[in-house]
Amino acid sequence: TPSQALAHPFITGERFKGDFTPPPAAAPPPTPQMQQTMAAISQHKQNLGGLQAQQRQLMMVHAQGRLNPVQQQQAMVQVQQLNRAIAALQQKLQADTASLQQQQQIAQQQHQQELQRQQQQQQQ
């Protein structure tokens, strides 16, 4: 990364001793917004797991054929409702995941810029 390159002896003016292994790029700490998004993603996943379990249970009961026609119809209506709820939750999960990735990229860029500023200040 650029910040790792700034640590190279040719840049820092230190004596070059052969192989150069850059220091690991430090990851920026999560921002409050990132933490909120991560919590929302976790909640979406938990809710999604619960809905999918309900869906499987209803499908299994329906497949066993032990329901009368009215109960079978009700079970299928519930499955359809669960399908819609699952689809909506999956969309929220995808949107939040994309948002988190964008937040992480912005935070990483800002972190790299800060590291570069610090490195430049040290050189002066």
N, C-alpha and C. Protein backbone atom coordinates (compact mmCIF):
# COMPACT_ATOMS: atom_id res chain seq x y z
N THR A 1 0.84 -1.18 0.00
CA THR A 1 0.00 0.00 0.00
C THR A 1 0.89 1.24 0.00
N PRO A 2 0.33 2.38 -0.34
CA PRO A 2 1.14 3.61 -0.31
C PRO A 2 1.74 3.89 1.07
N SER A 3 0.97 3.64 2.11
CA SER A 3 1.51 3.92 3.45
C SER A 3 2.64 2.96 3.80
N GLN A 4 2.56 1.73 3.31
CA GLN A 4 3.66 0.79 3.54
C GLN A 4 4.90 1.23 2.76
N ALA A 5 4.69 1.73 1.55
CA ALA A 5 5.82 2.19 0.74
C ALA A 5 6.53 3.36 1.41
N LEU A 6 5.79 4.18 2.14
CA LEU A 6 6.40 5.32 2.83
C LEU A 6 7.38 4.88 3.92
N ALA A 7 7.27 3.63 4.33
CA ALA A 7 8.17 3.13 5.37
C ALA A 7 9.47 2.56 4.78
N HIS A 8 9.61 2.55 3.45
CA HIS A 8 10.80 1.99 2.81
C HIS A 8 12.01 2.86 3.12
N PRO A 9 13.16 2.25 3.37
CA PRO A 9 14.37 3.03 3.70
C PRO A 9 14.74 4.07 2.65
N PHE A 10 14.45 3.84 1.40
CA PHE A 10 14.74 4.84 0.37
C PHE A 10 13.93 6.11 0.60
N ILE A 11 12.75 5.95 1.18
CA ILE A 11 11.87 7.10 1.45
C ILE A 11 12.21 7.72 2.80
N THR A 12 12.44 6.87 3.80
CA THR A 12 12.69 7.39 5.15
C THR A 12 14.10 7.91 5.33
N GLY A 13 15.00 7.53 4.42
CA GLY A 13 16.39 7.97 4.54
C GLY A 13 17.23 7.07 5.43
N GLU A 14 16.64 6.02 5.93
CA GLU A 14 17.41 5.08 6.75
C GLU A 14 18.34 4.27 5.85
N ARG A 15 19.31 3.66 6.47
CA ARG A 15 20.26 2.83 5.74
C ARG A 15 19.54 1.58 5.22
N PHE A 16 19.74 1.28 3.94
CA PHE A 16 19.12 0.11 3.34
C PHE A 16 19.98 -1.10 3.62
N LYS A 17 19.38 -2.16 4.16
CA LYS A 17 20.13 -3.34 4.58
C LYS A 17 19.80 -4.57 3.76
N GLY A 18 19.18 -4.40 2.60
CA GLY A 18 18.83 -5.55 1.78
C GLY A 18 17.33 -5.66 1.63
N ASP A 19 16.82 -6.85 1.88
CA ASP A 19 15.38 -7.07 1.72
C ASP A 19 14.58 -6.14 2.62
N PHE A 20 13.51 -5.66 2.05
CA PHE A 20 12.60 -4.79 2.82
C PHE A 20 11.25 -5.47 2.94
N THR A 21 10.79 -5.65 4.14
CA THR A 21 9.46 -6.19 4.39
C THR A 21 8.64 -5.05 4.99
N PRO A 22 7.61 -4.61 4.26
CA PRO A 22 6.83 -3.49 4.79
C PRO A 22 6.06 -3.88 6.03
N PRO A 23 5.84 -2.92 6.90
CA PRO A 23 5.01 -3.22 8.08
C PRO A 23 3.59 -3.50 7.62
N PRO A 24 2.87 -4.33 8.36
CA PRO A 24 1.49 -4.61 7.95
C PRO A 24 0.65 -3.34 7.97
N ALA A 25 -0.22 -3.25 6.99
CA ALA A 25 -1.14 -2.10 6.95
C ALA A 25 -2.16 -2.27 8.06
N ALA A 26 -2.21 -1.30 8.91
CA ALA A 26 -3.16 -1.38 10.02
C ALA A 26 -4.57 -1.08 9.53
N ALA A 27 -5.49 -1.86 9.99
CA ALA A 27 -6.90 -1.63 9.64
C ALA A 27 -7.46 -0.56 10.55
N PRO A 28 -8.25 0.32 9.99
CA PRO A 28 -8.83 1.36 10.84
C PRO A 28 -9.88 0.76 11.77
N PRO A 29 -10.04 1.35 12.94
CA PRO A 29 -11.08 0.84 13.84
C PRO A 29 -12.46 1.14 13.25
N PRO A 30 -13.44 0.30 13.53
CA PRO A 30 -14.78 0.55 12.98
C PRO A 30 -15.37 1.84 13.54
N THR A 31 -16.00 2.59 12.67
CA THR A 31 -16.68 3.82 13.07
C THR A 31 -18.00 3.47 13.72
N PRO A 32 -18.62 4.40 14.43
CA PRO A 32 -19.95 4.11 15.00
C PRO A 32 -20.97 3.70 13.93
N GLN A 33 -20.90 4.34 12.76
CA GLN A 33 -21.82 3.98 11.68
C GLN A 33 -21.57 2.55 11.23
N MET A 34 -20.30 2.16 11.13
CA MET A 34 -19.96 0.79 10.74
C MET A 34 -20.46 -0.20 11.78
N GLN A 35 -20.32 0.15 13.06
CA GLN A 35 -20.80 -0.73 14.12
C GLN A 35 -22.31 -0.90 14.06
N GLN A 36 -23.03 0.19 13.76
CA GLN A 36 -24.48 0.10 13.63
C GLN A 36 -24.86 -0.79 12.45
N THR A 37 -24.15 -0.63 11.34
CA THR A 37 -24.44 -1.45 10.16
C THR A 37 -24.13 -2.91 10.44
N MET A 38 -23.02 -3.18 11.13
CA MET A 38 -22.68 -4.57 11.46
C MET A 38 -23.74 -5.18 12.39
N ALA A 39 -24.24 -4.38 13.33
CA ALA A 39 -25.30 -4.88 14.22
C ALA A 39 -26.57 -5.17 13.42
N ALA A 40 -26.89 -4.31 12.46
CA ALA A 40 -28.08 -4.53 11.63
C ALA A 40 -27.92 -5.79 10.80
N ILE A 41 -26.74 -6.00 10.24
CA ILE A 41 -26.46 -7.20 9.45
C ILE A 41 -26.62 -8.45 10.31
N SER A 42 -26.07 -8.40 11.51
CA SER A 42 -26.18 -9.53 12.43
C SER A 42 -27.66 -9.83 12.75
N GLN A 43 -28.42 -8.77 12.98
CA GLN A 43 -29.85 -8.94 13.29
C GLN A 43 -30.59 -9.49 12.08
N HIS A 44 -30.26 -9.00 10.89
CA HIS A 44 -30.90 -9.52 9.68
C HIS A 44 -30.62 -11.02 9.53
N LYS A 45 -29.38 -11.41 9.76
CA LYS A 45 -29.02 -12.82 9.62
C LYS A 45 -29.77 -13.68 10.63
N GLN A 46 -29.88 -13.18 11.85
CA GLN A 46 -30.60 -13.92 12.88
C GLN A 46 -32.08 -14.05 12.51
N ASN A 47 -32.68 -12.94 12.08
CA ASN A 47 -34.10 -12.98 11.68
C ASN A 47 -34.30 -13.88 10.47
N LEU A 48 -33.38 -13.83 9.54
CA LEU A 48 -33.47 -14.66 8.34
C LEU A 48 -33.43 -16.14 8.71
N GLY A 49 -32.54 -16.49 9.62
CA GLY A 49 -32.45 -17.88 10.07
C GLY A 49 -33.74 -18.35 10.70
N GLY A 50 -34.38 -17.49 11.50
CA GLY A 50 -35.65 -17.85 12.13
C GLY A 50 -36.76 -18.03 11.11
N LEU A 51 -36.81 -17.12 10.14
CA LEU A 51 -37.85 -17.24 9.10
C LEU A 51 -37.66 -18.49 8.25
N GLN A 52 -36.42 -18.78 7.93
CA GLN A 52 -36.15 -19.97 7.12
C GLN A 52 -36.48 -21.24 7.89
N ALA A 53 -36.25 -21.26 9.19
CA ALA A 53 -36.62 -22.42 10.01
C ALA A 53 -38.14 -22.60 10.02
N GLN A 54 -38.86 -21.50 10.17
CA GLN A 54 -40.33 -21.59 10.13
C GLN A 54 -40.80 -22.10 8.78
N GLN A 55 -40.18 -21.62 7.72
CA GLN A 55 -40.54 -22.04 6.37
C GLN A 55 -40.32 -23.55 6.19
N ARG A 56 -39.16 -24.03 6.63
CA ARG A 56 -38.87 -25.46 6.52
C ARG A 56 -39.88 -26.29 7.30
N GLN A 57 -40.22 -25.84 8.50
CA GLN A 57 -41.17 -26.57 9.33
C GLN A 57 -42.54 -26.63 8.66
N LEU A 58 -42.99 -25.52 8.12
CA LEU A 58 -44.28 -25.52 7.44
C LEU A 58 -44.27 -26.41 6.20
N MET A 59 -43.19 -26.38 5.46
CA MET A 59 -43.09 -27.21 4.26
C MET A 59 -43.10 -28.70 4.63
N MET A 60 -42.43 -29.03 5.74
CA MET A 60 -42.38 -30.42 6.17
C MET A 60 -43.77 -30.89 6.61
N VAL A 61 -44.47 -30.07 7.37
CA VAL A 61 -45.82 -30.43 7.82
C VAL A 61 -46.74 -30.59 6.61
N HIS A 62 -46.60 -29.69 5.66
CA HIS A 62 -47.43 -29.76 4.46
C HIS A 62 -47.11 -31.02 3.66
N ALA A 63 -45.83 -31.35 3.54
CA ALA A 63 -45.41 -32.52 2.76
C ALA A 63 -45.86 -33.83 3.40
N GLN A 64 -46.01 -33.85 4.71
CA GLN A 64 -46.42 -35.08 5.39
C GLN A 64 -47.88 -35.43 5.10
N GLY A 65 -48.65 -34.47 4.63
CA GLY A 65 -50.03 -34.74 4.24
C GLY A 65 -50.98 -35.02 5.38
N ARG A 66 -50.65 -34.61 6.59
CA ARG A 66 -51.53 -34.88 7.73
C ARG A 66 -52.50 -33.74 7.99
N LEU A 67 -52.51 -32.76 7.09
CA LEU A 67 -53.40 -31.62 7.28
C LEU A 67 -54.63 -31.78 6.41
N ASN A 68 -55.73 -31.27 6.92
CA ASN A 68 -56.94 -31.28 6.09
C ASN A 68 -56.78 -30.20 5.03
N PRO A 69 -57.63 -30.17 4.02
CA PRO A 69 -57.46 -29.20 2.92
C PRO A 69 -57.41 -27.74 3.38
N VAL A 70 -58.21 -27.37 4.37
CA VAL A 70 -58.19 -25.98 4.86
C VAL A 70 -56.84 -25.68 5.51
N GLN A 71 -56.35 -26.61 6.32
CA GLN A 71 -55.06 -26.42 6.97
C GLN A 71 -53.92 -26.37 5.95
N GLN A 72 -54.03 -27.21 4.90
CA GLN A 72 -53.01 -27.18 3.84
C GLN A 72 -52.99 -25.82 3.16
N GLN A 73 -54.17 -25.29 2.89
CA GLN A 73 -54.26 -23.97 2.25
C GLN A 73 -53.65 -22.91 3.16
N GLN A 74 -53.95 -22.96 4.45
CA GLN A 74 -53.40 -21.99 5.41
C GLN A 74 -51.88 -22.11 5.48
N ALA A 75 -51.39 -23.34 5.48
CA ALA A 75 -49.95 -23.55 5.53
C ALA A 75 -49.26 -22.96 4.30
N MET A 76 -49.88 -23.14 3.13
CA MET A 76 -49.29 -22.61 1.91
C MET A 76 -49.32 -21.08 1.89
N VAL A 77 -50.37 -20.48 2.42
CA VAL A 77 -50.44 -19.02 2.53
C VAL A 77 -49.32 -18.53 3.44
N GLN A 78 -49.11 -19.22 4.56
CA GLN A 78 -48.04 -18.85 5.49
C GLN A 78 -46.67 -18.99 4.82
N VAL A 79 -46.48 -20.04 4.03
CA VAL A 79 -45.22 -20.24 3.33
C VAL A 79 -44.99 -19.08 2.36
N GLN A 80 -46.02 -18.68 1.65
CA GLN A 80 -45.90 -17.56 0.71
C GLN A 80 -45.56 -16.26 1.44
N GLN A 81 -46.18 -16.05 2.59
CA GLN A 81 -45.87 -14.87 3.39
C GLN A 81 -44.42 -14.90 3.87
N LEU A 82 -44.00 -16.08 4.29
CA LEU A 82 -42.61 -16.22 4.72
C LEU A 82 -41.65 -15.98 3.56
N ASN A 83 -41.99 -16.48 2.37
CA ASN A 83 -41.15 -16.26 1.20
C ASN A 83 -40.97 -14.77 0.93
N ARG A 84 -42.06 -14.01 1.03
CA ARG A 84 -41.97 -12.56 0.81
C ARG A 84 -41.12 -11.90 1.89
N ALA A 85 -41.33 -12.31 3.13
CA ALA A 85 -40.56 -11.74 4.24
C ALA A 85 -39.08 -12.08 4.09
N ILE A 86 -38.79 -13.29 3.68
CA ILE A 86 -37.40 -13.71 3.48
C ILE A 86 -36.76 -12.90 2.36
N ALA A 87 -37.47 -12.73 1.26
CA ALA A 87 -36.94 -11.96 0.13
C ALA A 87 -36.66 -10.52 0.53
N ALA A 88 -37.58 -9.92 1.29
CA ALA A 88 -37.38 -8.54 1.74
C ALA A 88 -36.18 -8.43 2.68
N LEU A 89 -36.05 -9.41 3.56
CA LEU A 89 -34.93 -9.40 4.50
C LEU A 89 -33.60 -9.62 3.78
N GLN A 90 -33.61 -10.48 2.77
CA GLN A 90 -32.39 -10.70 1.99
C GLN A 90 -31.97 -9.42 1.27
N GLN A 91 -32.94 -8.65 0.78
CA GLN A 91 -32.62 -7.38 0.13
C GLN A 91 -32.01 -6.40 1.13
N LYS A 92 -32.57 -6.34 2.33
CA LYS A 92 -32.01 -5.47 3.37
C LYS A 92 -30.59 -5.90 3.71
N LEU A 93 -30.39 -7.21 3.81
CA LEU A 93 -29.07 -7.74 4.14
C LEU A 93 -28.06 -7.37 3.06
N GLN A 94 -28.44 -7.53 1.81
CA GLN A 94 -27.54 -7.17 0.71
C GLN A 94 -27.24 -5.68 0.71
N ALA A 95 -28.25 -4.85 0.92
CA ALA A 95 -28.04 -3.40 0.94
C ALA A 95 -27.13 -2.99 2.09
N ASP A 96 -27.35 -3.56 3.27
CA ASP A 96 -26.51 -3.22 4.42
C ASP A 96 -25.08 -3.73 4.23
N THR A 97 -24.93 -4.90 3.62
CA THR A 97 -23.60 -5.43 3.37
C THR A 97 -22.85 -4.54 2.39
N ALA A 98 -23.52 -4.09 1.34
CA ALA A 98 -22.90 -3.17 0.37
C ALA A 98 -22.54 -1.85 1.05
N SER A 99 -23.42 -1.36 1.91
CA SER A 99 -23.17 -0.12 2.64
C SER A 99 -21.95 -0.27 3.55
N LEU A 100 -21.87 -1.40 4.24
CA LEU A 100 -20.73 -1.65 5.13
C LEU A 100 -19.43 -1.70 4.34
N GLN A 101 -19.43 -2.35 3.20
CA GLN A 101 -18.22 -2.42 2.38
C GLN A 101 -17.79 -1.03 1.95
N GLN A 102 -18.74 -0.21 1.58
CA GLN A 102 -18.42 1.16 1.17
C GLN A 102 -17.86 1.95 2.36
N GLN A 103 -18.48 1.80 3.52
CA GLN A 103 -18.01 2.48 4.72
C GLN A 103 -16.58 2.05 5.05
N GLN A 104 -16.30 0.75 4.91
CA GLN A 104 -14.97 0.23 5.20
C GLN A 104 -13.94 0.79 4.23
N GLN A 105 -14.31 0.89 2.95
CA GLN A 105 -13.39 1.44 1.96
C GLN A 105 -13.07 2.90 2.26
N ILE A 106 -14.09 3.66 2.60
CA ILE A 106 -13.88 5.07 2.95
C ILE A 106 -13.00 5.19 4.18
N ALA A 107 -13.28 4.39 5.20
CA ALA A 107 -12.48 4.42 6.43
C ALA A 107 -11.04 4.02 6.15
N GLN A 108 -10.84 3.03 5.28
CA GLN A 108 -9.48 2.59 4.95
C GLN A 108 -8.74 3.70 4.21
N GLN A 109 -9.41 4.36 3.29
CA GLN A 109 -8.78 5.46 2.56
C GLN A 109 -8.40 6.59 3.51
N GLN A 110 -9.31 6.95 4.40
CA GLN A 110 -9.02 8.01 5.36
C GLN A 110 -7.88 7.61 6.28
N HIS A 111 -7.86 6.35 6.68
CA HIS A 111 -6.80 5.85 7.55
C HIS A 111 -5.45 5.91 6.83
N GLN A 112 -5.44 5.50 5.56
CA GLN A 112 -4.20 5.55 4.78
C GLN A 112 -3.72 6.98 4.63
N GLN A 113 -4.64 7.91 4.38
CA GLN A 113 -4.26 9.32 4.25
C GLN A 113 -3.67 9.84 5.56
N GLU A 114 -4.27 9.44 6.67
CA GLU A 114 -3.75 9.87 7.97
C GLU A 114 -2.36 9.29 8.22
N LEU A 115 -2.17 8.03 7.87
CA LEU A 115 -0.84 7.42 8.03
C LEU A 115 0.19 8.14 7.16
N GLN A 116 -0.20 8.51 5.95
CA GLN A 116 0.71 9.22 5.06
C GLN A 116 1.06 10.59 5.64
N ARG A 117 0.05 11.30 6.18
CA ARG A 117 0.31 12.60 6.80
C ARG A 117 1.28 12.45 7.98
N GLN A 118 1.05 11.44 8.79
CA GLN A 118 1.93 11.22 9.94
C GLN A 118 3.35 10.92 9.48
N GLN A 119 3.48 10.11 8.44
CA GLN A 119 4.79 9.76 7.92
C GLN A 119 5.50 10.99 7.37
N GLN A 120 4.75 11.85 6.68
CA GLN A 120 5.33 13.07 6.14
C GLN A 120 5.77 14.01 7.26
N GLN A 121 4.98 14.09 8.31
CA GLN A 121 5.33 14.95 9.44
C GLN A 121 6.59 14.43 10.13
N GLN A 122 6.74 13.12 10.19
CA GLN A 122 7.93 12.54 10.82
C GLN A 122 9.18 12.84 9.99
N GLN A 123 9.00 12.92 8.68
CA GLN A 123 10.15 13.17 7.80
C GLN A 123 10.60 14.61 7.86
N GLN A 124 9.72 15.50 8.27
CA GLN A 124 10.07 16.94 8.29
C GLN A 124 10.80 17.33 9.52
